[in-house]
Every structure is written in C-alpha cells, then in structure tokens.
Amino acid sequence: MGETEIAWPWQYNFPPFFTLQPNPETRAKQVQAWKALILDYCKQSKLYLIDAREADNGPLFNNASINRKLDGAVIVSILSEMQKSGHAAPVDKAKHRWEVYWHTLDEWSSMIYAHVYSKGLQGTVLTLFELSQGDDVKDEEFYGMQQDVLVKALQVLERDRKCELILSDEDQGVKFF
C-alpha cells in the first residue's frame, strides 16, 4: 500500500475501533466508520486493490502507534459490506484480494463518458493507456486508474451501448459511440 498523508479519524487512535464490537448498534457505527476510512484512504492513495492477508504491511489496518491491527476476517466482512453498495468486489474466490471503488463502477463510467463527450471523442478509438495515463486525462479523477478497474467501468458503458471494448492480445482499447 502506498504511503499517504491522511487525516485519520479519531476512531483510528481508539483501540476498540480495531476489535469488532459485540453491541449491534455500536458495531454498525464501527463498520460504517471503517467503510468511510477505507474509501477515503484508497481515494487519497489511488489504491484500487486490498489484500486482507496483508493488513500488517500498511497503516490502513495497522495502527502501530497504539499497537492495534484489524483482523483479516473482519477486513473481509467490512469489504463484503462495501460490496453490497458497489464499492468493493472480491478478485479471488477465497475473498482475500478485493478491488475497492471509491466511486462505484457506474459513477466511474459516467465520469469517463463525460470526459469523452466533452472532448468530442465519440467515434474514435482510444487505448486503455491513453484513457488512464494519457496527457488528456491528467486532470481527471480516473487518471492512473488500475486497468482491471478501468475495464470494468468500460464494461458498464459497453452494456449501455456507449462503447465497444477491444481486448485482444495485440490491442487494448475502446471505441466510443
């Protein structure tokens, strides 16, 4: 996980935050706070993938200053809750690795299409690299997007018949309509 200057919420320095609370009302607030923290952290770090087995490797789930870390099973349960709102999806069957979407795939696809439309790029073919790393998108929030997430956002547009993905071994691009 990338190192990022983040304004940690007060709960992050509160040891019980790292232990799943037994009271249902308290637990619901705790899970909501974790979901918000995960989304904020991933957005600020431009992090699209979380491995629940690597909680020790970064500050998100491991607050070394209070010697507390979130258990991997709890991380998976929170990510599963995030999946219900379209903010996360498991990458593997064991649900160790998760893509995190601080914007849902629908929101990402709308941003991408708005950019394409504003630049008059309908009818043109763009490489996935141009769309996520190109000079024309440096000021867009989707700049630097991980390719797997980009493809999933473009699949939303393809489903809505706004583009056609070209994903052969030689070519990785998209034609917008």
N, C-alpha and C. Protein backbone atom coordinates (compact mmCIF):
# COMPACT_ATOMS: atom_id res chain seq x y z
N MET A 1 0.84 -1.18 0.00
CA MET A 1 0.00 0.00 0.00
C MET A 1 0.89 1.24 0.00
N GLY A 2 0.49 2.23 -0.77
CA GLY A 2 1.27 3.45 -0.86
C GLY A 2 1.17 4.27 0.41
N GLU A 3 2.27 4.94 0.74
CA GLU A 3 2.26 5.81 1.91
C GLU A 3 1.62 7.13 1.53
N THR A 4 0.69 7.56 2.32
CA THR A 4 -0.06 8.77 2.03
C THR A 4 -0.28 9.54 3.31
N GLU A 5 -0.23 10.88 3.20
CA GLU A 5 -0.59 11.71 4.34
C GLU A 5 -2.10 11.74 4.41
N ILE A 6 -2.64 11.17 5.44
CA ILE A 6 -4.09 11.12 5.56
C ILE A 6 -4.49 11.68 6.92
N ALA A 7 -5.62 12.32 6.93
CA ALA A 7 -6.18 12.81 8.20
C ALA A 7 -6.98 11.66 8.79
N TRP A 8 -6.37 10.94 9.70
CA TRP A 8 -7.03 9.78 10.30
C TRP A 8 -8.19 10.24 11.18
N PRO A 9 -9.33 9.54 11.12
CA PRO A 9 -10.44 9.90 12.00
C PRO A 9 -10.08 9.58 13.46
N TRP A 10 -10.78 10.19 14.37
CA TRP A 10 -10.47 9.99 15.79
C TRP A 10 -10.49 8.52 16.18
N GLN A 11 -11.39 7.74 15.56
CA GLN A 11 -11.53 6.32 15.92
C GLN A 11 -10.24 5.54 15.69
N TYR A 12 -9.45 6.00 14.71
CA TYR A 12 -8.23 5.29 14.34
C TYR A 12 -7.25 5.20 15.51
N ASN A 13 -7.32 6.13 16.42
CA ASN A 13 -6.45 6.12 17.60
C ASN A 13 -7.16 5.61 18.84
N PHE A 14 -8.32 5.02 18.65
CA PHE A 14 -9.14 4.49 19.74
C PHE A 14 -9.05 2.96 19.66
N PRO A 15 -8.31 2.31 20.58
CA PRO A 15 -8.06 0.87 20.45
C PRO A 15 -9.28 -0.01 20.16
N PRO A 16 -10.46 0.22 20.77
CA PRO A 16 -11.60 -0.65 20.47
C PRO A 16 -12.05 -0.61 18.99
N PHE A 17 -11.66 0.42 18.27
CA PHE A 17 -12.01 0.51 16.85
C PHE A 17 -11.46 -0.69 16.07
N PHE A 18 -10.38 -1.28 16.55
CA PHE A 18 -9.72 -2.38 15.87
C PHE A 18 -10.23 -3.76 16.31
N THR A 19 -11.26 -3.78 17.16
CA THR A 19 -11.88 -5.02 17.61
C THR A 19 -13.37 -4.92 17.29
N LEU A 20 -13.90 -5.90 16.57
CA LEU A 20 -15.31 -5.88 16.21
C LEU A 20 -16.16 -5.84 17.47
N GLN A 21 -17.01 -4.85 17.57
CA GLN A 21 -17.80 -4.63 18.77
C GLN A 21 -19.02 -5.55 18.83
N PRO A 22 -19.34 -6.08 20.03
CA PRO A 22 -20.45 -7.03 20.15
C PRO A 22 -21.84 -6.39 20.08
N ASN A 23 -21.97 -5.15 20.53
CA ASN A 23 -23.27 -4.49 20.52
C ASN A 23 -23.63 -4.15 19.06
N PRO A 24 -24.80 -4.63 18.58
CA PRO A 24 -25.15 -4.44 17.17
C PRO A 24 -25.16 -2.97 16.71
N GLU A 25 -25.66 -2.08 17.56
CA GLU A 25 -25.73 -0.67 17.19
C GLU A 25 -24.32 -0.07 17.11
N THR A 26 -23.50 -0.40 18.08
CA THR A 26 -22.11 0.08 18.10
C THR A 26 -21.34 -0.50 16.91
N ARG A 27 -21.55 -1.81 16.64
CA ARG A 27 -20.88 -2.47 15.54
C ARG A 27 -21.26 -1.82 14.20
N ALA A 28 -22.53 -1.50 14.03
CA ALA A 28 -22.98 -0.87 12.77
C ALA A 28 -22.27 0.46 12.56
N LYS A 29 -22.13 1.26 13.62
CA LYS A 29 -21.42 2.53 13.51
C LYS A 29 -19.93 2.30 13.23
N GLN A 30 -19.37 1.28 13.86
CA GLN A 30 -17.97 0.94 13.67
C GLN A 30 -17.72 0.53 12.21
N VAL A 31 -18.56 -0.34 11.69
CA VAL A 31 -18.41 -0.81 10.30
C VAL A 31 -18.57 0.37 9.34
N GLN A 32 -19.52 1.25 9.61
CA GLN A 32 -19.71 2.43 8.77
C GLN A 32 -18.46 3.31 8.78
N ALA A 33 -17.87 3.49 9.95
CA ALA A 33 -16.65 4.29 10.06
C ALA A 33 -15.49 3.63 9.31
N TRP A 34 -15.38 2.31 9.40
CA TRP A 34 -14.33 1.60 8.65
C TRP A 34 -14.54 1.74 7.15
N LYS A 35 -15.79 1.61 6.71
CA LYS A 35 -16.07 1.75 5.27
C LYS A 35 -15.64 3.13 4.78
N ALA A 36 -15.99 4.17 5.52
CA ALA A 36 -15.62 5.54 5.13
C ALA A 36 -14.10 5.70 5.13
N LEU A 37 -13.44 5.14 6.14
CA LEU A 37 -11.98 5.25 6.22
C LEU A 37 -11.31 4.53 5.03
N ILE A 38 -11.78 3.33 4.72
CA ILE A 38 -11.21 2.57 3.60
C ILE A 38 -11.37 3.35 2.30
N LEU A 39 -12.56 3.87 2.05
CA LEU A 39 -12.80 4.62 0.81
C LEU A 39 -11.93 5.88 0.75
N ASP A 40 -11.86 6.62 1.85
CA ASP A 40 -11.03 7.84 1.87
C ASP A 40 -9.56 7.51 1.66
N TYR A 41 -9.10 6.49 2.36
CA TYR A 41 -7.69 6.10 2.25
C TYR A 41 -7.35 5.67 0.82
N CYS A 42 -8.21 4.83 0.25
CA CYS A 42 -7.96 4.35 -1.11
C CYS A 42 -8.00 5.50 -2.12
N LYS A 43 -8.92 6.42 -1.95
CA LYS A 43 -9.01 7.57 -2.86
C LYS A 43 -7.74 8.41 -2.76
N GLN A 44 -7.33 8.74 -1.56
CA GLN A 44 -6.15 9.59 -1.38
C GLN A 44 -4.87 8.89 -1.84
N SER A 45 -4.83 7.56 -1.70
CA SER A 45 -3.64 6.80 -2.07
C SER A 45 -3.70 6.29 -3.50
N LYS A 46 -4.84 6.53 -4.18
CA LYS A 46 -5.07 5.96 -5.51
C LYS A 46 -4.82 4.45 -5.46
N LEU A 47 -5.40 3.82 -4.46
CA LEU A 47 -5.26 2.39 -4.22
C LEU A 47 -6.54 1.70 -4.68
N TYR A 48 -6.39 0.71 -5.55
CA TYR A 48 -7.56 0.02 -6.09
C TYR A 48 -7.66 -1.42 -5.62
N LEU A 49 -6.63 -1.92 -4.96
CA LEU A 49 -6.61 -3.33 -4.57
C LEU A 49 -6.15 -3.46 -3.11
N ILE A 50 -6.92 -4.23 -2.34
CA ILE A 50 -6.58 -4.51 -0.95
C ILE A 50 -6.49 -6.02 -0.80
N ASP A 51 -5.43 -6.47 -0.14
CA ASP A 51 -5.28 -7.87 0.21
C ASP A 51 -5.46 -7.98 1.71
N ALA A 52 -6.53 -8.64 2.13
CA ALA A 52 -6.85 -8.73 3.56
C ALA A 52 -5.77 -9.47 4.34
N ARG A 53 -4.97 -10.29 3.68
CA ARG A 53 -3.89 -11.02 4.36
C ARG A 53 -2.69 -10.13 4.66
N GLU A 54 -2.65 -8.94 4.04
CA GLU A 54 -1.50 -8.06 4.20
C GLU A 54 -1.81 -6.84 5.08
N ALA A 55 -2.69 -7.03 6.03
CA ALA A 55 -3.10 -5.93 6.91
C ALA A 55 -1.92 -5.33 7.67
N ASP A 56 -0.92 -6.15 7.94
CA ASP A 56 0.24 -5.67 8.70
C ASP A 56 1.14 -4.75 7.89
N ASN A 57 1.03 -4.80 6.57
CA ASN A 57 2.01 -4.13 5.70
C ASN A 57 1.78 -2.64 5.50
N GLY A 58 0.66 -2.14 5.89
CA GLY A 58 0.41 -0.71 5.69
C GLY A 58 -0.36 -0.13 6.85
N PRO A 59 -0.49 1.18 6.87
CA PRO A 59 -1.11 1.83 8.03
C PRO A 59 -2.64 1.72 8.08
N LEU A 60 -3.29 1.38 6.96
CA LEU A 60 -4.75 1.41 6.95
C LEU A 60 -5.35 0.52 8.03
N PHE A 61 -4.91 -0.71 8.12
CA PHE A 61 -5.49 -1.65 9.08
C PHE A 61 -4.56 -1.94 10.26
N ASN A 62 -3.45 -1.20 10.35
CA ASN A 62 -2.47 -1.47 11.38
C ASN A 62 -1.96 -0.13 11.95
N ASN A 63 -2.47 0.23 13.12
CA ASN A 63 -2.02 1.46 13.78
C ASN A 63 -0.91 1.08 14.75
N ALA A 64 0.32 1.20 14.29
CA ALA A 64 1.48 0.81 15.10
C ALA A 64 1.62 1.67 16.34
N SER A 65 1.17 2.91 16.29
CA SER A 65 1.35 3.80 17.44
C SER A 65 0.52 3.37 18.65
N ILE A 66 -0.57 2.65 18.42
CA ILE A 66 -1.35 2.13 19.56
C ILE A 66 -1.29 0.60 19.60
N ASN A 67 -0.45 0.02 18.75
CA ASN A 67 -0.24 -1.42 18.71
C ASN A 67 -1.54 -2.18 18.49
N ARG A 68 -2.32 -1.74 17.49
CA ARG A 68 -3.59 -2.39 17.16
C ARG A 68 -3.67 -2.61 15.65
N LYS A 69 -4.23 -3.77 15.28
CA LYS A 69 -4.48 -4.03 13.88
C LYS A 69 -5.81 -4.77 13.75
N LEU A 70 -6.44 -4.57 12.60
CA LEU A 70 -7.74 -5.19 12.35
C LEU A 70 -7.52 -6.60 11.82
N ASP A 71 -8.24 -7.55 12.36
CA ASP A 71 -8.15 -8.95 11.95
C ASP A 71 -8.59 -9.11 10.49
N GLY A 72 -7.92 -10.00 9.77
CA GLY A 72 -8.22 -10.23 8.36
C GLY A 72 -9.67 -10.63 8.11
N ALA A 73 -10.25 -11.43 8.99
CA ALA A 73 -11.65 -11.84 8.82
C ALA A 73 -12.59 -10.64 8.95
N VAL A 74 -12.26 -9.72 9.83
CA VAL A 74 -13.07 -8.51 10.00
C VAL A 74 -12.93 -7.62 8.76
N ILE A 75 -11.71 -7.53 8.22
CA ILE A 75 -11.49 -6.76 6.99
C ILE A 75 -12.38 -7.32 5.88
N VAL A 76 -12.39 -8.64 5.72
CA VAL A 76 -13.21 -9.27 4.68
C VAL A 76 -14.69 -8.99 4.92
N SER A 77 -15.13 -9.02 6.18
CA SER A 77 -16.55 -8.76 6.44
C SER A 77 -16.92 -7.31 6.10
N ILE A 78 -16.00 -6.37 6.38
CA ILE A 78 -16.27 -4.97 6.04
C ILE A 78 -16.27 -4.78 4.52
N LEU A 79 -15.32 -5.40 3.84
CA LEU A 79 -15.29 -5.32 2.37
C LEU A 79 -16.54 -5.97 1.77
N SER A 80 -17.03 -7.02 2.39
CA SER A 80 -18.27 -7.65 1.92
C SER A 80 -19.45 -6.70 2.07
N GLU A 81 -19.46 -5.93 3.15
CA GLU A 81 -20.50 -4.90 3.31
C GLU A 81 -20.36 -3.84 2.22
N MET A 82 -19.13 -3.48 1.91
CA MET A 82 -18.90 -2.48 0.86
C MET A 82 -19.34 -3.00 -0.50
N GLN A 83 -19.24 -4.30 -0.69
CA GLN A 83 -19.67 -4.91 -1.96
C GLN A 83 -21.16 -4.67 -2.19
N LYS A 84 -21.95 -4.69 -1.12
CA LYS A 84 -23.40 -4.50 -1.23
C LYS A 84 -23.76 -3.14 -1.83
N SER A 85 -22.91 -2.13 -1.60
CA SER A 85 -23.19 -0.79 -2.13
C SER A 85 -22.40 -0.51 -3.42
N GLY A 86 -21.71 -1.53 -3.93
CA GLY A 86 -20.96 -1.34 -5.18
C GLY A 86 -19.61 -0.69 -4.99
N HIS A 87 -19.07 -0.70 -3.77
CA HIS A 87 -17.79 -0.05 -3.50
C HIS A 87 -16.63 -1.01 -3.36
N ALA A 88 -16.88 -2.30 -3.53
CA ALA A 88 -15.80 -3.29 -3.47
C ALA A 88 -16.27 -4.56 -4.18
N ALA A 89 -15.30 -5.35 -4.64
CA ALA A 89 -15.61 -6.64 -5.26
C ALA A 89 -14.41 -7.56 -5.05
N PRO A 90 -14.70 -8.83 -4.69
CA PRO A 90 -13.59 -9.76 -4.49
C PRO A 90 -12.95 -10.10 -5.84
N VAL A 91 -11.64 -10.28 -5.82
CA VAL A 91 -10.90 -10.62 -7.04
C VAL A 91 -10.68 -12.13 -7.10
N ASP A 92 -10.60 -12.78 -5.93
CA ASP A 92 -10.37 -14.22 -5.89
C ASP A 92 -11.50 -14.90 -5.12
N LYS A 93 -11.65 -16.21 -5.36
CA LYS A 93 -12.74 -16.95 -4.72
C LYS A 93 -12.63 -16.98 -3.20
N ALA A 94 -11.40 -16.98 -2.71
CA ALA A 94 -11.19 -17.02 -1.25
C ALA A 94 -11.49 -15.67 -0.59
N LYS A 95 -11.72 -14.65 -1.39
CA LYS A 95 -12.03 -13.30 -0.92
C LYS A 95 -10.89 -12.72 -0.07
N HIS A 96 -9.66 -12.99 -0.49
CA HIS A 96 -8.51 -12.37 0.16
C HIS A 96 -8.21 -11.02 -0.49
N ARG A 97 -8.30 -10.99 -1.83
CA ARG A 97 -7.94 -9.79 -2.58
C ARG A 97 -9.23 -9.13 -3.07
N TRP A 98 -9.31 -7.79 -2.88
CA TRP A 98 -10.52 -7.04 -3.21
C TRP A 98 -10.17 -5.79 -4.00
N GLU A 99 -10.96 -5.53 -5.03
CA GLU A 99 -10.91 -4.21 -5.66
C GLU A 99 -11.79 -3.29 -4.83
N VAL A 100 -11.32 -2.06 -4.67
CA VAL A 100 -12.08 -1.06 -3.91
C VAL A 100 -12.39 0.09 -4.87
N TYR A 101 -13.65 0.49 -4.88
CA TYR A 101 -14.10 1.57 -5.76
C TYR A 101 -14.61 2.72 -4.90
N TRP A 102 -13.81 3.79 -4.79
CA TRP A 102 -14.30 4.93 -4.01
C TRP A 102 -15.40 5.65 -4.79
N HIS A 103 -15.48 5.39 -6.08
CA HIS A 103 -16.68 5.68 -6.87
C HIS A 103 -17.16 4.33 -7.37
N THR A 104 -18.47 4.13 -7.42
CA THR A 104 -18.96 2.86 -7.95
C THR A 104 -18.58 2.77 -9.42
N LEU A 105 -18.66 1.58 -9.98
CA LEU A 105 -18.34 1.41 -11.41
C LEU A 105 -19.27 2.26 -12.28
N ASP A 106 -20.52 2.40 -11.88
CA ASP A 106 -21.45 3.27 -12.63
C ASP A 106 -20.97 4.72 -12.59
N GLU A 107 -20.52 5.18 -11.42
CA GLU A 107 -20.03 6.55 -11.30
C GLU A 107 -18.75 6.74 -12.13
N TRP A 108 -17.83 5.78 -12.05
CA TRP A 108 -16.61 5.87 -12.86
C TRP A 108 -16.95 5.93 -14.34
N SER A 109 -17.87 5.07 -14.77
CA SER A 109 -18.21 5.03 -16.20
C SER A 109 -18.83 6.36 -16.64
N SER A 110 -19.64 6.96 -15.80
CA SER A 110 -20.23 8.26 -16.13
C SER A 110 -19.16 9.34 -16.27
N MET A 111 -18.16 9.32 -15.37
CA MET A 111 -17.07 10.30 -15.45
C MET A 111 -16.26 10.13 -16.73
N ILE A 112 -15.97 8.89 -17.06
CA ILE A 112 -15.19 8.61 -18.27
C ILE A 112 -15.96 9.06 -19.51
N TYR A 113 -17.25 8.72 -19.56
CA TYR A 113 -18.03 9.08 -20.73
C TYR A 113 -18.21 10.60 -20.82
N ALA A 114 -18.38 11.26 -19.70
CA ALA A 114 -18.49 12.73 -19.71
C ALA A 114 -17.22 13.35 -20.27
N HIS A 115 -16.06 12.80 -19.92
CA HIS A 115 -14.79 13.29 -20.46
C HIS A 115 -14.74 13.07 -21.97
N VAL A 116 -15.06 11.87 -22.40
CA VAL A 116 -15.04 11.54 -23.84
C VAL A 116 -15.98 12.47 -24.60
N TYR A 117 -17.17 12.67 -24.06
CA TYR A 117 -18.17 13.52 -24.71
C TYR A 117 -17.70 14.97 -24.77
N SER A 118 -17.14 15.46 -23.67
CA SER A 118 -16.70 16.87 -23.62
C SER A 118 -15.54 17.13 -24.59
N LYS A 119 -14.76 16.12 -24.87
CA LYS A 119 -13.62 16.26 -25.80
C LYS A 119 -14.01 15.91 -27.23
N GLY A 120 -15.27 15.51 -27.45
CA GLY A 120 -15.73 15.17 -28.80
C GLY A 120 -15.07 13.91 -29.35
N LEU A 121 -14.83 12.94 -28.48
CA LEU A 121 -14.11 11.74 -28.89
C LEU A 121 -15.01 10.56 -29.27
N GLN A 122 -16.33 10.82 -29.39
CA GLN A 122 -17.21 9.74 -29.84
C GLN A 122 -16.79 9.35 -31.26
N GLY A 123 -16.83 8.06 -31.54
CA GLY A 123 -16.44 7.59 -32.87
C GLY A 123 -14.94 7.33 -32.99
N THR A 124 -14.19 7.65 -31.96
CA THR A 124 -12.74 7.41 -32.01
C THR A 124 -12.38 6.20 -31.15
N VAL A 125 -11.21 5.67 -31.42
CA VAL A 125 -10.68 4.57 -30.62
C VAL A 125 -9.55 5.11 -29.76
N LEU A 126 -9.63 4.83 -28.47
CA LEU A 126 -8.58 5.22 -27.53
C LEU A 126 -7.99 3.95 -26.92
N THR A 127 -6.69 3.95 -26.71
CA THR A 127 -6.10 2.83 -25.99
C THR A 127 -6.45 2.96 -24.52
N LEU A 128 -6.40 1.85 -23.80
CA LEU A 128 -6.65 1.91 -22.37
C LEU A 128 -5.60 2.76 -21.69
N PHE A 129 -4.37 2.72 -22.22
CA PHE A 129 -3.30 3.56 -21.66
C PHE A 129 -3.65 5.04 -21.81
N GLU A 130 -4.09 5.45 -23.01
CA GLU A 130 -4.45 6.86 -23.23
C GLU A 130 -5.56 7.29 -22.27
N LEU A 131 -6.51 6.37 -22.04
CA LEU A 131 -7.67 6.69 -21.23
C LEU A 131 -7.33 6.79 -19.73
N SER A 132 -6.30 6.08 -19.30
CA SER A 132 -5.98 6.12 -17.87
C SER A 132 -4.67 6.83 -17.55
N GLN A 133 -3.78 6.98 -18.54
CA GLN A 133 -2.46 7.56 -18.27
C GLN A 133 -2.12 8.73 -19.19
N GLY A 134 -2.95 9.00 -20.19
CA GLY A 134 -2.62 9.99 -21.20
C GLY A 134 -2.62 11.42 -20.70
N ASP A 135 -1.96 12.28 -21.45
CA ASP A 135 -1.88 13.70 -21.10
C ASP A 135 -3.27 14.35 -21.02
N ASP A 136 -4.20 13.89 -21.87
CA ASP A 136 -5.55 14.48 -21.90
C ASP A 136 -6.36 14.19 -20.65
N VAL A 137 -5.95 13.21 -19.86
CA VAL A 137 -6.74 12.84 -18.68
C VAL A 137 -6.01 13.14 -17.36
N LYS A 138 -4.89 13.84 -17.44
CA LYS A 138 -4.10 14.13 -16.23
C LYS A 138 -4.92 14.82 -15.14
N ASP A 139 -5.89 15.63 -15.52
CA ASP A 139 -6.70 16.37 -14.55
C ASP A 139 -7.99 15.65 -14.17
N GLU A 140 -8.20 14.46 -14.71
CA GLU A 140 -9.42 13.69 -14.42
C GLU A 140 -9.20 12.81 -13.20
N GLU A 141 -10.27 12.57 -12.48
CA GLU A 141 -10.14 11.74 -11.28
C GLU A 141 -9.76 10.30 -11.60
N PHE A 142 -10.10 9.85 -12.81
CA PHE A 142 -9.78 8.48 -13.19
C PHE A 142 -8.36 8.33 -13.74
N TYR A 143 -7.58 9.42 -13.74
CA TYR A 143 -6.18 9.35 -14.16
C TYR A 143 -5.43 8.36 -13.25
N GLY A 144 -4.71 7.45 -13.86
CA GLY A 144 -3.94 6.46 -13.10
C GLY A 144 -4.74 5.25 -12.67
N MET A 145 -5.97 5.14 -13.14
CA MET A 145 -6.83 4.03 -12.73
C MET A 145 -6.20 2.70 -13.13
N GLN A 146 -6.27 1.75 -12.23
CA GLN A 146 -5.79 0.40 -12.49
C GLN A 146 -6.58 -0.18 -13.67
N GLN A 147 -5.89 -0.86 -14.57
CA GLN A 147 -6.52 -1.33 -15.81
C GLN A 147 -7.71 -2.26 -15.57
N ASP A 148 -7.63 -3.15 -14.60
CA ASP A 148 -8.75 -4.06 -14.35
C ASP A 148 -10.01 -3.30 -13.96
N VAL A 149 -9.85 -2.25 -13.17
CA VAL A 149 -10.99 -1.44 -12.75
C VAL A 149 -11.49 -0.62 -13.94
N LEU A 150 -10.57 -0.09 -14.73
CA LEU A 150 -10.94 0.66 -15.93
C LEU A 150 -11.79 -0.20 -16.86
N VAL A 151 -11.37 -1.42 -17.09
CA VAL A 151 -12.11 -2.32 -17.98
C VAL A 151 -13.52 -2.57 -17.43
N LYS A 152 -13.64 -2.75 -16.12
CA LYS A 152 -14.97 -2.98 -15.53
C LYS A 152 -15.86 -1.75 -15.68
N ALA A 153 -15.28 -0.55 -15.54
CA ALA A 153 -16.07 0.67 -15.73
C ALA A 153 -16.48 0.79 -17.20
N LEU A 154 -15.58 0.45 -18.10
CA LEU A 154 -15.91 0.50 -19.53
C LEU A 154 -16.95 -0.56 -19.90
N GLN A 155 -16.94 -1.69 -19.21
CA GLN A 155 -17.96 -2.72 -19.46
C GLN A 155 -19.35 -2.20 -19.12
N VAL A 156 -19.44 -1.30 -18.14
CA VAL A 156 -20.73 -0.66 -17.83
C VAL A 156 -21.18 0.17 -19.04
N LEU A 157 -20.25 0.93 -19.62
CA LEU A 157 -20.58 1.74 -20.81
C LEU A 157 -20.91 0.84 -21.99
N GLU A 158 -20.20 -0.26 -22.11
CA GLU A 158 -20.47 -1.20 -23.21
C GLU A 158 -21.87 -1.80 -23.06
N ARG A 159 -22.24 -2.14 -21.85
CA ARG A 159 -23.58 -2.67 -21.58
C ARG A 159 -24.65 -1.64 -21.98
N ASP A 160 -24.33 -0.35 -21.76
CA ASP A 160 -25.26 0.73 -22.11
C ASP A 160 -25.13 1.17 -23.57
N ARG A 161 -24.34 0.42 -24.35
CA ARG A 161 -24.11 0.67 -25.78
C ARG A 161 -23.50 2.05 -26.06
N LYS A 162 -22.60 2.47 -25.17
CA LYS A 162 -21.91 3.75 -25.36
C LYS A 162 -20.47 3.55 -25.83
N CYS A 163 -20.03 2.28 -25.84
CA CYS A 163 -18.68 2.00 -26.30
C CYS A 163 -18.57 0.52 -26.67
N GLU A 164 -17.45 0.20 -27.30
CA GLU A 164 -17.12 -1.19 -27.60
C GLU A 164 -15.68 -1.41 -27.17
N LEU A 165 -15.49 -2.39 -26.30
CA LEU A 165 -14.15 -2.72 -25.83
C LEU A 165 -13.42 -3.57 -26.87
N ILE A 166 -12.14 -3.30 -27.04
CA ILE A 166 -11.27 -4.07 -27.93
C ILE A 166 -10.18 -4.65 -27.04
N LEU A 167 -10.32 -5.92 -26.69
CA LEU A 167 -9.39 -6.53 -25.74
C LEU A 167 -8.75 -7.78 -26.32
N SER A 168 -7.99 -7.62 -27.39
CA SER A 168 -7.24 -8.75 -27.94
C SER A 168 -5.83 -8.72 -27.37
N ASP A 169 -5.05 -9.74 -27.68
CA ASP A 169 -3.67 -9.77 -27.17
C ASP A 169 -2.86 -8.60 -27.70
N GLU A 170 -3.13 -8.20 -28.95
CA GLU A 170 -2.37 -7.12 -29.57
C GLU A 170 -2.91 -5.74 -29.21
N ASP A 171 -4.21 -5.63 -29.10
CA ASP A 171 -4.85 -4.33 -28.90
C ASP A 171 -5.64 -4.29 -27.59
N GLN A 172 -5.49 -3.19 -26.88
CA GLN A 172 -6.24 -2.93 -25.66
C GLN A 172 -6.82 -1.54 -25.78
N GLY A 173 -8.06 -1.47 -26.24
CA GLY A 173 -8.63 -0.14 -26.44
C GLY A 173 -10.14 -0.15 -26.33
N VAL A 174 -10.71 0.99 -26.71
CA VAL A 174 -12.15 1.15 -26.62
C VAL A 174 -12.58 2.16 -27.68
N LYS A 175 -13.69 1.85 -28.32
CA LYS A 175 -14.29 2.78 -29.29
C LYS A 175 -15.57 3.31 -28.65
N PHE A 176 -15.66 4.64 -28.62
CA PHE A 176 -16.84 5.26 -28.00
C PHE A 176 -17.87 5.64 -29.05
N PHE A 177 -19.14 5.58 -28.67
CA PHE A 177 -20.25 5.97 -29.56
C PHE A 177 -20.93 7.21 -29.02
